[in-house]
């Protein structure tokens, strides 16, 4: 498939996700949060690599707070728009986040510990995922670069209405281990 296929599909799926009614979004977000915290990989993980929901992405803030309440070590991404790379830094409270790259809340730049390795669960946002766990994101490759060397478990998070049978893929695209939808 060509890059233009991804661009076109990204526009269509973004419009579809933005059109989800507030009532459906609320119900689906609750179901997604329940599915994440009920998943064995969440229960078993001592470290959670999350994401702060942006725009019309599934709102997983309750999952992030639950991880903190359980005493799990929570990390959120810090993105470098110049290199399109991200690192995960530890978060002790969601109230400490500051606007980062692309306006997405993230740990402050001089914040504490960076995730290096370990028994971690990575929650991966996606506009869409296909049946094989391949992801369509925003097109900058942040998660592809990160997942290339990630040794833990990755859970893709998206709405069921946006799941696809297949997605246009390129050699650098990485897949997730499992996908949670509602």
C-alpha atoms as a PDB file:
ATOM      1  CA  UNK A   1       0.000   0.000   0.000  1.00  0.00           C
ATOM      2  CA  UNK A   2       1.066   3.545  -0.581  1.00  0.00           C
ATOM      3  CA  UNK A   3       1.611   6.290   1.990  1.00  0.00           C
ATOM      4  CA  UNK A   4      -1.305   8.172   0.393  1.00  0.00           C
ATOM      5  CA  UNK A   5      -3.576   5.272   1.420  1.00  0.00           C
ATOM      6  CA  UNK A   6      -2.595   5.845   5.049  1.00  0.00           C
ATOM      7  CA  UNK A   7      -3.149   9.588   4.772  1.00  0.00           C
ATOM      8  CA  UNK A   8      -6.618   9.127   3.275  1.00  0.00           C
ATOM      9  CA  UNK A   9      -7.584   6.438   5.776  1.00  0.00           C
ATOM     10  CA  UNK A  10      -6.252   8.531   8.668  1.00  0.00           C
ATOM     11  CA  UNK A  11      -8.497  11.441   7.630  1.00  0.00           C
ATOM     12  CA  UNK A  12     -11.559   9.200   7.271  1.00  0.00           C
ATOM     13  CA  UNK A  13     -11.058   7.430  10.603  1.00  0.00           C
ATOM     14  CA  UNK A  14     -10.279  10.661  12.452  1.00  0.00           C
ATOM     15  CA  UNK A  15     -13.553  12.134  11.190  1.00  0.00           C
ATOM     16  CA  UNK A  16     -15.371   8.940  12.199  1.00  0.00           C
ATOM     17  CA  UNK A  17     -13.853   8.987  15.705  1.00  0.00           C
ATOM     18  CA  UNK A  18     -14.586  12.704  16.117  1.00  0.00           C
ATOM     19  CA  UNK A  19     -18.236  12.013  15.213  1.00  0.00           C
ATOM     20  CA  UNK A  20     -18.791   9.532  18.072  1.00  0.00           C
ATOM     21  CA  UNK A  21     -21.612  10.844  20.235  1.00  0.00           C
ATOM     22  CA  UNK A  22     -20.717  11.972  23.770  1.00  0.00           C
ATOM     23  CA  UNK A  23     -23.025   9.289  25.176  1.00  0.00           C
ATOM     24  CA  UNK A  24     -21.359   6.495  23.188  1.00  0.00           C
ATOM     25  CA  UNK A  25     -17.897   7.850  24.012  1.00  0.00           C
ATOM     26  CA  UNK A  26     -18.698   7.888  27.729  1.00  0.00           C
ATOM     27  CA  UNK A  27     -20.005   4.288  27.671  1.00  0.00           C
ATOM     28  CA  UNK A  28     -17.185   3.013  25.470  1.00  0.00           C
ATOM     29  CA  UNK A  29     -14.523   4.755  27.569  1.00  0.00           C
ATOM     30  CA  UNK A  30     -15.914   3.132  30.725  1.00  0.00           C
ATOM     31  CA  UNK A  31     -15.919  -0.287  29.064  1.00  0.00           C
ATOM     32  CA  UNK A  32     -12.347   0.191  27.796  1.00  0.00           C
ATOM     33  CA  UNK A  33     -11.113   1.206  31.260  1.00  0.00           C
ATOM     34  CA  UNK A  34     -12.797  -1.814  32.835  1.00  0.00           C
ATOM     35  CA  UNK A  35     -11.289  -4.115  30.204  1.00  0.00           C
ATOM     36  CA  UNK A  36      -7.779  -2.719  30.751  1.00  0.00           C
ATOM     37  CA  UNK A  37      -7.795  -2.969  34.551  1.00  0.00           C
ATOM     38  CA  UNK A  38      -9.397  -6.413  34.325  1.00  0.00           C
ATOM     39  CA  UNK A  39      -6.762  -7.709  31.930  1.00  0.00           C
ATOM     40  CA  UNK A  40      -4.171 -10.106  33.425  1.00  0.00           C
ATOM     41  CA  UNK A  41      -1.295  -8.113  31.916  1.00  0.00           C
ATOM     42  CA  UNK A  42      -2.433  -5.028  33.861  1.00  0.00           C
ATOM     43  CA  UNK A  43      -2.786  -7.003  37.061  1.00  0.00           C
ATOM     44  CA  UNK A  44       0.658  -8.595  36.696  1.00  0.00           C
ATOM     45  CA  UNK A  45       2.579  -5.509  35.566  1.00  0.00           C
ATOM     46  CA  UNK A  46       4.555  -3.540  38.115  1.00  0.00           C
ATOM     47  CA  UNK A  47       5.201  -0.787  35.574  1.00  0.00           C
ATOM     48  CA  UNK A  48       2.552   0.778  33.335  1.00  0.00           C
ATOM     49  CA  UNK A  49       3.530   2.845  30.310  1.00  0.00           C
ATOM     50  CA  UNK A  50       0.388   4.832  29.618  1.00  0.00           C
ATOM     51  CA  UNK A  51      -0.667   7.727  27.449  1.00  0.00           C
ATOM     52  CA  UNK A  52      -2.635  10.829  28.294  1.00  0.00           C
ATOM     53  CA  UNK A  53      -5.721  10.895  26.041  1.00  0.00           C
ATOM     54  CA  UNK A  54      -5.696  13.614  23.424  1.00  0.00           C
ATOM     55  CA  UNK A  55      -8.629  14.879  21.389  1.00  0.00           C
ATOM     56  CA  UNK A  56     -11.170  12.146  20.745  1.00  0.00           C
ATOM     57  CA  UNK A  57      -8.914   9.274  21.875  1.00  0.00           C
ATOM     58  CA  UNK A  58     -10.374   6.873  24.439  1.00  0.00           C
ATOM     59  CA  UNK A  59     -10.230   8.499  27.869  1.00  0.00           C
ATOM     60  CA  UNK A  60      -8.046   6.183  29.946  1.00  0.00           C
ATOM     61  CA  UNK A  61      -7.397   8.664  32.758  1.00  0.00           C
ATOM     62  CA  UNK A  62      -9.351   6.405  35.192  1.00  0.00           C
ATOM     63  CA  UNK A  63      -6.968   3.537  34.319  1.00  0.00           C
ATOM     64  CA  UNK A  64      -3.937   5.767  34.869  1.00  0.00           C
ATOM     65  CA  UNK A  65      -5.271   6.869  38.258  1.00  0.00           C
ATOM     66  CA  UNK A  66      -6.101   3.270  39.191  1.00  0.00           C
ATOM     67  CA  UNK A  67      -2.526   2.239  38.400  1.00  0.00           C
ATOM     68  CA  UNK A  68      -1.255   4.965  40.739  1.00  0.00           C
ATOM     69  CA  UNK A  69      -3.777   3.970  43.433  1.00  0.00           C
ATOM     70  CA  UNK A  70      -2.535   0.361  43.240  1.00  0.00           C
ATOM     71  CA  UNK A  71       1.055   1.496  43.744  1.00  0.00           C
ATOM     72  CA  UNK A  72       2.165   0.585  40.235  1.00  0.00           C
ATOM     73  CA  UNK A  73       4.922   2.688  38.712  1.00  0.00           C
ATOM     74  CA  UNK A  74       3.292   4.826  36.030  1.00  0.00           C
ATOM     75  CA  UNK A  75       5.185   6.360  33.140  1.00  0.00           C
ATOM     76  CA  UNK A  76       3.831   8.693  30.465  1.00  0.00           C
ATOM     77  CA  UNK A  77       5.466   9.639  27.171  1.00  0.00           C
ATOM     78  CA  UNK A  78       7.499  12.752  26.519  1.00  0.00           C
ATOM     79  CA  UNK A  79       7.772  13.413  22.800  1.00  0.00           C
ATOM     80  CA  UNK A  80      10.597  15.101  20.945  1.00  0.00           C
ATOM     81  CA  UNK A  81       9.036  16.582  17.765  1.00  0.00           C
ATOM     82  CA  UNK A  82      12.468  17.201  16.208  1.00  0.00           C
ATOM     83  CA  UNK A  83      13.432  13.505  16.249  1.00  0.00           C
ATOM     84  CA  UNK A  84       9.918  11.969  16.472  1.00  0.00           C
ATOM     85  CA  UNK A  85      11.181   9.898  19.390  1.00  0.00           C
ATOM     86  CA  UNK A  86       9.669   9.543  22.819  1.00  0.00           C
ATOM     87  CA  UNK A  87      10.790   8.513  26.246  1.00  0.00           C
ATOM     88  CA  UNK A  88       8.606   7.588  29.187  1.00  0.00           C
ATOM     89  CA  UNK A  89       9.029   9.405  32.493  1.00  0.00           C
ATOM     90  CA  UNK A  90       7.570   8.444  35.842  1.00  0.00           C
ATOM     91  CA  UNK A  91       4.427  10.173  37.061  1.00  0.00           C
ATOM     92  CA  UNK A  92       3.393  10.264  40.701  1.00  0.00           C
ATOM     93  CA  UNK A  93       0.236  12.339  40.155  1.00  0.00           C
ATOM     94  CA  UNK A  94      -1.748  13.257  37.069  1.00  0.00           C
ATOM     95  CA  UNK A  95      -1.915  16.816  38.393  1.00  0.00           C
ATOM     96  CA  UNK A  96       1.834  17.294  37.822  1.00  0.00           C
ATOM     97  CA  UNK A  97       1.570  17.056  34.024  1.00  0.00           C
ATOM     98  CA  UNK A  98       2.400  20.045  31.839  1.00  0.00           C
ATOM     99  CA  UNK A  99       1.614  20.769  28.175  1.00  0.00           C
ATOM    100  CA  UNK A 100       4.176  19.035  26.016  1.00  0.00           C
ATOM    101  CA  UNK A 101       4.749  18.486  22.334  1.00  0.00           C
ATOM    102  CA  UNK A 102       1.579  18.775  20.286  1.00  0.00           C
ATOM    103  CA  UNK A 103      -0.207  20.171  23.396  1.00  0.00           C
ATOM    104  CA  UNK A 104      -0.473  16.736  25.009  1.00  0.00           C
ATOM    105  CA  UNK A 105       0.043  16.718  28.801  1.00  0.00           C
ATOM    106  CA  UNK A 106       3.276  14.979  29.822  1.00  0.00           C
ATOM    107  CA  UNK A 107       5.669  14.822  32.774  1.00  0.00           C
ATOM    108  CA  UNK A 108       7.746  18.011  33.175  1.00  0.00           C
ATOM    109  CA  UNK A 109      11.004  18.020  31.144  1.00  0.00           C
ATOM    110  CA  UNK A 110      13.244  17.853  34.193  1.00  0.00           C
ATOM    111  CA  UNK A 111      11.094  15.229  35.860  1.00  0.00           C
ATOM    112  CA  UNK A 112      12.357  12.179  37.679  1.00  0.00           C
ATOM    113  CA  UNK A 113      12.987   8.653  36.542  1.00  0.00           C
ATOM    114  CA  UNK A 114      12.894   7.529  32.966  1.00  0.00           C
ATOM    115  CA  UNK A 115      11.599   4.075  32.022  1.00  0.00           C
ATOM    116  CA  UNK A 116      14.533   1.924  30.935  1.00  0.00           C
ATOM    117  CA  UNK A 117      13.332  -1.683  31.000  1.00  0.00           C
ATOM    118  CA  UNK A 118      11.457  -4.188  33.109  1.00  0.00           C
ATOM    119  CA  UNK A 119       8.179  -6.058  33.476  1.00  0.00           C
ATOM    120  CA  UNK A 120       6.022  -3.384  31.880  1.00  0.00           C
ATOM    121  CA  UNK A 121       2.692  -3.073  30.160  1.00  0.00           C
ATOM    122  CA  UNK A 122       2.558  -0.446  27.406  1.00  0.00           C
ATOM    123  CA  UNK A 123      -0.866   0.995  26.575  1.00  0.00           C
ATOM    124  CA  UNK A 124      -0.662   2.093  22.956  1.00  0.00           C
ATOM    125  CA  UNK A 125      -3.149   4.593  21.527  1.00  0.00           C
ATOM    126  CA  UNK A 126      -4.236   4.104  17.976  1.00  0.00           C
ATOM    127  CA  UNK A 127      -6.651   5.638  15.592  1.00  0.00           C
ATOM    128  CA  UNK A 128      -7.256   2.072  14.385  1.00  0.00           C
ATOM    129  CA  UNK A 129      -5.807  -1.412  14.734  1.00  0.00           C
ATOM    130  CA  UNK A 130      -6.243  -4.331  12.388  1.00  0.00           C
ATOM    131  CA  UNK A 131      -6.794  -8.025  13.086  1.00  0.00           C
ATOM    132  CA  UNK A 132      -3.021  -8.610  13.326  1.00  0.00           C
ATOM    133  CA  UNK A 133      -2.418  -5.810  15.843  1.00  0.00           C
ATOM    134  CA  UNK A 134      -0.968  -3.369  13.335  1.00  0.00           C
ATOM    135  CA  UNK A 135      -1.669   0.241  14.210  1.00  0.00           C
ATOM    136  CA  UNK A 136      -2.634   3.373  12.375  1.00  0.00           C
ATOM    137  CA  UNK A 137      -1.519   6.380  14.404  1.00  0.00           C
ATOM    138  CA  UNK A 138      -0.972  10.031  13.586  1.00  0.00           C
ATOM    139  CA  UNK A 139       1.846   9.367  11.138  1.00  0.00           C
ATOM    140  CA  UNK A 140       4.987  10.463  12.969  1.00  0.00           C
ATOM    141  CA  UNK A 141       6.180   6.969  14.003  1.00  0.00           C
ATOM    142  CA  UNK A 142       6.703   7.666  17.726  1.00  0.00           C
ATOM    143  CA  UNK A 143       5.274   4.327  18.842  1.00  0.00           C
ATOM    144  CA  UNK A 144       6.854   2.369  15.985  1.00  0.00           C
ATOM    145  CA  UNK A 145      10.286   3.576  17.105  1.00  0.00           C
ATOM    146  CA  UNK A 146       9.537   2.808  20.743  1.00  0.00           C
ATOM    147  CA  UNK A 147       7.949  -0.625  20.211  1.00  0.00           C
ATOM    148  CA  UNK A 148      10.889  -1.748  18.057  1.00  0.00           C
ATOM    149  CA  UNK A 149      12.962  -2.270  21.238  1.00  0.00           C
ATOM    150  CA  UNK A 150      10.210  -2.724  23.845  1.00  0.00           C
ATOM    151  CA  UNK A 151      10.345  -6.145  25.537  1.00  0.00           C
ATOM    152  CA  UNK A 152       7.149  -5.984  27.628  1.00  0.00           C
ATOM    153  CA  UNK A 153       3.496  -6.499  26.705  1.00  0.00           C
ATOM    154  CA  UNK A 154       1.749  -3.986  24.464  1.00  0.00           C
ATOM    155  CA  UNK A 155      -2.009  -3.408  24.504  1.00  0.00           C
ATOM    156  CA  UNK A 156      -3.515  -1.367  21.694  1.00  0.00           C
ATOM    157  CA  UNK A 157      -6.421   0.858  22.709  1.00  0.00           C
ATOM    158  CA  UNK A 158      -9.103   2.050  20.279  1.00  0.00           C
ATOM    159  CA  UNK A 159     -12.839   2.026  19.690  1.00  0.00           C
ATOM    160  CA  UNK A 160     -14.321  -1.153  18.195  1.00  0.00           C
ATOM    161  CA  UNK A 161     -16.040   0.913  15.513  1.00  0.00           C
ATOM    162  CA  UNK A 162     -12.580   1.787  14.150  1.00  0.00           C
ATOM    163  CA  UNK A 163     -11.111  -1.733  14.002  1.00  0.00           C
ATOM    164  CA  UNK A 164     -10.130  -2.732  10.491  1.00  0.00           C
ATOM    165  CA  UNK A 165      -9.656  -6.103   8.839  1.00  0.00           C
ATOM    166  CA  UNK A 166      -6.308  -4.859   7.555  1.00  0.00           C
ATOM    167  CA  UNK A 167      -4.370  -1.616   7.402  1.00  0.00           C
ATOM    168  CA  UNK A 168      -1.831  -0.312   4.889  1.00  0.00           C
ATOM    169  CA  UNK A 169       1.556  -1.201   6.363  1.00  0.00           C
ATOM    170  CA  UNK A 170       5.152  -0.226   5.765  1.00  0.00           C
ATOM    171  CA  UNK A 171       8.318  -2.115   6.798  1.00  0.00           C
ATOM    172  CA  UNK A 172       8.910   0.133   9.834  1.00  0.00           C
ATOM    173  CA  UNK A 173       5.394  -0.399  11.278  1.00  0.00           C
ATOM    174  CA  UNK A 174       5.159  -2.436  14.481  1.00  0.00           C
ATOM    175  CA  UNK A 175       2.231  -4.381  15.878  1.00  0.00           C
ATOM    176  CA  UNK A 176       0.877  -4.687  19.420  1.00  0.00           C
ATOM    177  CA  UNK A 177       0.431  -7.954  21.310  1.00  0.00           C
ATOM    178  CA  UNK A 178      -3.314  -7.473  21.888  1.00  0.00           C
ATOM    179  CA  UNK A 179      -6.005  -4.878  21.232  1.00  0.00           C
ATOM    180  CA  UNK A 180      -8.678  -3.706  23.681  1.00  0.00           C
ATOM    181  CA  UNK A 181     -11.789  -2.091  22.218  1.00  0.00           C
ATOM    182  CA  UNK A 182     -15.378  -1.371  23.142  1.00  0.00           C
END
